Amino acid sequence: METARTATLVAAAIASGLIAGLFYAFTVAVMPGLARSSDRTTIETMQNINKAILNGWFILAYLGAPLFIAATLVLHAGDSDTRNAVPPLAAALVAYLITMIITARINIPLNNALEQAGSPEHLTDPTSTRLAYETPWTRASNWRTVLTTLTLALLAYALTLH
């Protein structure tokens, strides 16, 4: 059982860390870089990123993180010697699930609307399209960065308790 607890906790930390790093990269580099770009460049780049990110490696980490967190939470809760890790594991799961809600309710609908706007070269008002997307998407993504970083910190703390 100890091996399973350790393996799921390490897997949860790795998957969460990958996602936190991805969101951090958007917060500190991708979106600030695009803020310096033209409207059409920003729209085209985000449309391309939104297509490229839908791949198996992203899905594995994005969906694997909460599954590994939940599994390790259950495994730790079932053993009186490791129950002290339950509070940070539960908090990590909540923080990550909030991230997923933000993604589903804000970022994905904005990505879909941006895709439906069509090719940037054919837009009559690319500035309006960009403004409708960029500010709310970035604000939501910054929250995802905070929450996934919190998730990773809580999992690191749980590792010290493990």
C-alpha atoms as a PDB file:
ATOM      1  CA  MET A   1       0.000   0.000   0.000  1.00  0.00           C
ATOM      2  CA  GLU A   2       2.920   2.319   0.764  1.00  0.00           C
ATOM      3  CA  THR A   3       4.133   1.963  -2.814  1.00  0.00           C
ATOM      4  CA  ALA A   4       0.712   2.880  -4.190  1.00  0.00           C
ATOM      5  CA  ARG A   5       0.467   5.950  -1.926  1.00  0.00           C
ATOM      6  CA  THR A   6       3.921   7.110  -2.945  1.00  0.00           C
ATOM      7  CA  ALA A   7       3.396   6.445  -6.647  1.00  0.00           C
ATOM      8  CA  THR A   8       0.060   8.253  -6.837  1.00  0.00           C
ATOM      9  CA  LEU A   9       1.344  11.211  -4.823  1.00  0.00           C
ATOM     10  CA  VAL A  10       4.426  11.587  -7.018  1.00  0.00           C
ATOM     11  CA  ALA A  11       2.312  11.194 -10.175  1.00  0.00           C
ATOM     12  CA  ALA A  12      -0.130  13.831  -8.882  1.00  0.00           C
ATOM     13  CA  ALA A  13       2.744  16.230  -8.199  1.00  0.00           C
ATOM     14  CA  ILE A  14       4.302  15.664 -11.616  1.00  0.00           C
ATOM     15  CA  ALA A  15       1.029  16.067 -13.531  1.00  0.00           C
ATOM     16  CA  SER A  16       0.037  19.119 -11.490  1.00  0.00           C
ATOM     17  CA  GLY A  17       3.500  20.596 -11.918  1.00  0.00           C
ATOM     18  CA  LEU A  18       3.336  20.205 -15.675  1.00  0.00           C
ATOM     19  CA  ILE A  19      -0.009  21.998 -15.812  1.00  0.00           C
ATOM     20  CA  ALA A  20       1.102  24.708 -13.378  1.00  0.00           C
ATOM     21  CA  GLY A  21       4.176  25.256 -15.544  1.00  0.00           C
ATOM     22  CA  LEU A  22       2.085  25.484 -18.690  1.00  0.00           C
ATOM     23  CA  PHE A  23      -0.224  28.082 -17.149  1.00  0.00           C
ATOM     24  CA  TYR A  24       2.766  29.946 -15.683  1.00  0.00           C
ATOM     25  CA  ALA A  25       4.342  30.139 -19.145  1.00  0.00           C
ATOM     26  CA  PHE A  26       1.158  31.728 -20.480  1.00  0.00           C
ATOM     27  CA  THR A  27       1.107  34.208 -17.575  1.00  0.00           C
ATOM     28  CA  VAL A  28       4.716  35.345 -17.794  1.00  0.00           C
ATOM     29  CA  ALA A  29       5.593  34.914 -21.473  1.00  0.00           C
ATOM     30  CA  VAL A  30       2.909  33.940 -23.982  1.00  0.00           C
ATOM     31  CA  MET A  31       0.215  36.492 -23.184  1.00  0.00           C
ATOM     32  CA  PRO A  32       2.645  39.363 -22.442  1.00  0.00           C
ATOM     33  CA  GLY A  33       4.386  38.553 -25.740  1.00  0.00           C
ATOM     34  CA  LEU A  34       1.113  38.538 -27.611  1.00  0.00           C
ATOM     35  CA  ALA A  35       0.133  41.820 -25.945  1.00  0.00           C
ATOM     36  CA  ARG A  36       2.977  43.350 -27.979  1.00  0.00           C
ATOM     37  CA  SER A  37       1.690  41.826 -31.216  1.00  0.00           C
ATOM     38  CA  SER A  38      -0.847  43.032 -33.745  1.00  0.00           C
ATOM     39  CA  ASP A  39      -4.499  42.089 -33.414  1.00  0.00           C
ATOM     40  CA  ARG A  40      -4.404  39.668 -36.320  1.00  0.00           C
ATOM     41  CA  THR A  41      -1.173  38.040 -35.098  1.00  0.00           C
ATOM     42  CA  THR A  42      -2.603  37.575 -31.606  1.00  0.00           C
ATOM     43  CA  ILE A  43      -5.827  36.073 -32.932  1.00  0.00           C
ATOM     44  CA  GLU A  44      -4.067  33.727 -35.341  1.00  0.00           C
ATOM     45  CA  THR A  45      -1.527  32.641 -32.718  1.00  0.00           C
ATOM     46  CA  MET A  46      -4.163  31.858 -30.097  1.00  0.00           C
ATOM     47  CA  GLN A  47      -6.296  30.019 -32.645  1.00  0.00           C
ATOM     48  CA  ASN A  48      -3.254  27.892 -33.517  1.00  0.00           C
ATOM     49  CA  ILE A  49      -2.321  27.302 -29.864  1.00  0.00           C
ATOM     50  CA  ASN A  50      -5.894  26.307 -29.052  1.00  0.00           C
ATOM     51  CA  LYS A  51      -5.763  23.663 -31.765  1.00  0.00           C
ATOM     52  CA  ALA A  52      -2.246  22.439 -30.971  1.00  0.00           C
ATOM     53  CA  ILE A  53      -2.841  22.026 -27.237  1.00  0.00           C
ATOM     54  CA  LEU A  54      -5.552  19.422 -27.776  1.00  0.00           C
ATOM     55  CA  ASN A  55      -3.194  16.462 -27.795  1.00  0.00           C
ATOM     56  CA  GLY A  56      -2.650  13.341 -25.756  1.00  0.00           C
ATOM     57  CA  TRP A  57       0.227  14.701 -23.670  1.00  0.00           C
ATOM     58  CA  PHE A  58      -1.778  17.710 -22.536  1.00  0.00           C
ATOM     59  CA  ILE A  59      -4.886  15.630 -21.830  1.00  0.00           C
ATOM     60  CA  LEU A  60      -2.835  13.071 -19.895  1.00  0.00           C
ATOM     61  CA  ALA A  61      -1.463  15.704 -17.519  1.00  0.00           C
ATOM     62  CA  TYR A  62      -4.600  17.881 -17.364  1.00  0.00           C
ATOM     63  CA  LEU A  63      -6.996  15.029 -16.589  1.00  0.00           C
ATOM     64  CA  GLY A  64      -4.414  12.838 -14.875  1.00  0.00           C
ATOM     65  CA  ALA A  65      -3.668  15.421 -12.182  1.00  0.00           C
ATOM     66  CA  PRO A  66      -7.093  15.360 -10.499  1.00  0.00           C
ATOM     67  CA  LEU A  67      -7.359  11.592 -10.892  1.00  0.00           C
ATOM     68  CA  PHE A  68      -3.982  11.042  -9.221  1.00  0.00           C
ATOM     69  CA  ILE A  69      -4.799  13.580  -6.504  1.00  0.00           C
ATOM     70  CA  ALA A  70      -8.120  11.849  -5.793  1.00  0.00           C
ATOM     71  CA  ALA A  71      -6.484   8.408  -5.766  1.00  0.00           C
ATOM     72  CA  THR A  72      -3.748   9.475  -3.384  1.00  0.00           C
ATOM     73  CA  LEU A  73      -6.311  11.200  -1.175  1.00  0.00           C
ATOM     74  CA  VAL A  74      -8.300   7.980  -0.879  1.00  0.00           C
ATOM     75  CA  LEU A  75      -5.177   5.922  -0.234  1.00  0.00           C
ATOM     76  CA  HIS A  76      -3.945   8.290   2.483  1.00  0.00           C
ATOM     77  CA  ALA A  77      -7.366   8.588   4.121  1.00  0.00           C
ATOM     78  CA  GLY A  78      -7.549   4.818   4.470  1.00  0.00           C
ATOM     79  CA  ASP A  79      -4.424   4.560   6.614  1.00  0.00           C
ATOM     80  CA  SER A  80      -4.278   6.022  10.121  1.00  0.00           C
ATOM     81  CA  ASP A  81      -0.517   6.567   9.763  1.00  0.00           C
ATOM     82  CA  THR A  82      -0.912   8.846   6.728  1.00  0.00           C
ATOM     83  CA  ARG A  83      -4.169  10.674   7.489  1.00  0.00           C
ATOM     84  CA  ASN A  84      -2.229  13.838   8.323  1.00  0.00           C
ATOM     85  CA  ALA A  85      -1.729  14.259   4.557  1.00  0.00           C
ATOM     86  CA  VAL A  86      -5.485  14.306   3.927  1.00  0.00           C
ATOM     87  CA  PRO A  87      -6.100  18.059   4.522  1.00  0.00           C
ATOM     88  CA  PRO A  88      -3.462  19.292   2.044  1.00  0.00           C
ATOM     89  CA  LEU A  89      -4.485  16.605  -0.450  1.00  0.00           C
ATOM     90  CA  ALA A  90      -8.148  17.589  -0.169  1.00  0.00           C
ATOM     91  CA  ALA A  91      -7.246  21.271  -0.562  1.00  0.00           C
ATOM     92  CA  ALA A  92      -5.086  20.437  -3.593  1.00  0.00           C
ATOM     93  CA  LEU A  93      -7.987  18.592  -5.191  1.00  0.00           C
ATOM     94  CA  VAL A  94     -10.368  21.495  -4.564  1.00  0.00           C
ATOM     95  CA  ALA A  95      -7.892  24.034  -5.991  1.00  0.00           C
ATOM     96  CA  TYR A  96      -7.370  21.914  -9.091  1.00  0.00           C
ATOM     97  CA  LEU A  97     -11.110  21.348  -9.594  1.00  0.00           C
ATOM     98  CA  ILE A  98     -11.685  25.113  -9.400  1.00  0.00           C
ATOM     99  CA  THR A  99      -9.048  25.457 -12.117  1.00  0.00           C
ATOM    100  CA  MET A 100     -10.976  23.001 -14.254  1.00  0.00           C
ATOM    101  CA  ILE A 101     -14.216  24.921 -13.681  1.00  0.00           C
ATOM    102  CA  ILE A 102     -12.562  28.186 -14.739  1.00  0.00           C
ATOM    103  CA  THR A 103     -11.216  26.458 -17.835  1.00  0.00           C
ATOM    104  CA  ALA A 104     -14.595  24.961 -18.736  1.00  0.00           C
ATOM    105  CA  ARG A 105     -16.691  28.057 -18.004  1.00  0.00           C
ATOM    106  CA  ILE A 106     -14.394  30.836 -19.219  1.00  0.00           C
ATOM    107  CA  ASN A 107     -11.332  29.807 -21.225  1.00  0.00           C
ATOM    108  CA  ILE A 108     -12.872  27.124 -23.429  1.00  0.00           C
ATOM    109  CA  PRO A 109     -15.943  29.193 -24.410  1.00  0.00           C
ATOM    110  CA  LEU A 110     -13.627  32.121 -25.241  1.00  0.00           C
ATOM    111  CA  ASN A 111     -11.408  29.784 -27.294  1.00  0.00           C
ATOM    112  CA  ASN A 112     -14.470  28.497 -29.146  1.00  0.00           C
ATOM    113  CA  ALA A 113     -15.709  32.033 -29.845  1.00  0.00           C
ATOM    114  CA  LEU A 114     -12.274  33.009 -31.142  1.00  0.00           C
ATOM    115  CA  GLU A 115     -12.260  30.020 -33.476  1.00  0.00           C
ATOM    116  CA  GLN A 116     -15.766  30.826 -34.698  1.00  0.00           C
ATOM    117  CA  ALA A 117     -14.648  34.383 -35.510  1.00  0.00           C
ATOM    118  CA  GLY A 118     -12.804  32.870 -38.455  1.00  0.00           C
ATOM    119  CA  SER A 119      -9.544  33.623 -40.128  1.00  0.00           C
ATOM    120  CA  PRO A 120      -7.949  36.825 -38.806  1.00  0.00           C
ATOM    121  CA  GLU A 121      -7.191  38.012 -42.337  1.00  0.00           C
ATOM    122  CA  HIS A 122     -10.915  38.128 -43.103  1.00  0.00           C
ATOM    123  CA  LEU A 123     -12.046  39.900 -39.936  1.00  0.00           C
ATOM    124  CA  THR A 124     -13.455  43.368 -40.498  1.00  0.00           C
ATOM    125  CA  ASP A 125     -12.786  44.417 -36.884  1.00  0.00           C
ATOM    126  CA  PRO A 126      -9.925  42.351 -35.452  1.00  0.00           C
ATOM    127  CA  THR A 127      -9.478  44.808 -32.577  1.00  0.00           C
ATOM    128  CA  SER A 128     -12.967  44.073 -31.217  1.00  0.00           C
ATOM    129  CA  THR A 129     -12.436  40.343 -31.628  1.00  0.00           C
ATOM    130  CA  ARG A 130      -9.147  40.557 -29.766  1.00  0.00           C
ATOM    131  CA  LEU A 131     -10.518  42.729 -26.948  1.00  0.00           C
ATOM    132  CA  ALA A 132     -13.489  40.394 -26.415  1.00  0.00           C
ATOM    133  CA  TYR A 133     -11.041  37.522 -26.022  1.00  0.00           C
ATOM    134  CA  GLU A 134      -7.713  38.631 -24.627  1.00  0.00           C
ATOM    135  CA  THR A 135      -8.579  40.421 -21.376  1.00  0.00           C
ATOM    136  CA  PRO A 136     -11.096  37.925 -19.951  1.00  0.00           C
ATOM    137  CA  TRP A 137      -9.058  34.941 -21.157  1.00  0.00           C
ATOM    138  CA  THR A 138      -5.855  36.272 -19.597  1.00  0.00           C
ATOM    139  CA  ARG A 139      -7.550  37.147 -16.307  1.00  0.00           C
ATOM    140  CA  ALA A 140      -9.034  33.643 -16.055  1.00  0.00           C
ATOM    141  CA  SER A 141      -5.753  32.035 -17.051  1.00  0.00           C
ATOM    142  CA  ASN A 142      -3.873  34.008 -14.403  1.00  0.00           C
ATOM    143  CA  TRP A 143      -6.236  32.545 -11.803  1.00  0.00           C
ATOM    144  CA  ARG A 144      -5.508  29.098 -13.207  1.00  0.00           C
ATOM    145  CA  THR A 145      -1.804  29.788 -12.707  1.00  0.00           C
ATOM    146  CA  VAL A 146      -2.370  30.756  -9.078  1.00  0.00           C
ATOM    147  CA  LEU A 147      -4.605  27.760  -8.384  1.00  0.00           C
ATOM    148  CA  THR A 148      -2.403  25.145 -10.043  1.00  0.00           C
ATOM    149  CA  THR A 149       0.657  26.568  -8.293  1.00  0.00           C
ATOM    150  CA  LEU A 150      -1.248  26.297  -5.020  1.00  0.00           C
ATOM    151  CA  THR A 151      -2.150  22.718  -5.961  1.00  0.00           C
ATOM    152  CA  LEU A 152       1.514  21.908  -6.528  1.00  0.00           C
ATOM    153  CA  ALA A 153       2.557  23.565  -3.251  1.00  0.00           C
ATOM    154  CA  LEU A 154      -0.047  21.562  -1.332  1.00  0.00           C
ATOM    155  CA  LEU A 155       1.122  18.351  -2.966  1.00  0.00           C
ATOM    156  CA  ALA A 156       4.732  19.189  -2.086  1.00  0.00           C
ATOM    157  CA  TYR A 157       3.632  19.725   1.496  1.00  0.00           C
ATOM    158  CA  ALA A 158       1.784  16.392   1.428  1.00  0.00           C
ATOM    159  CA  LEU A 159       5.005  14.768   0.239  1.00  0.00           C
ATOM    160  CA  THR A 160       6.773  16.078   3.341  1.00  0.00           C
ATOM    161  CA  LEU A 161       4.053  14.542   5.502  1.00  0.00           C
ATOM    162  CA  HIS A 162       4.116  11.265   3.615  1.00  0.00           C
END
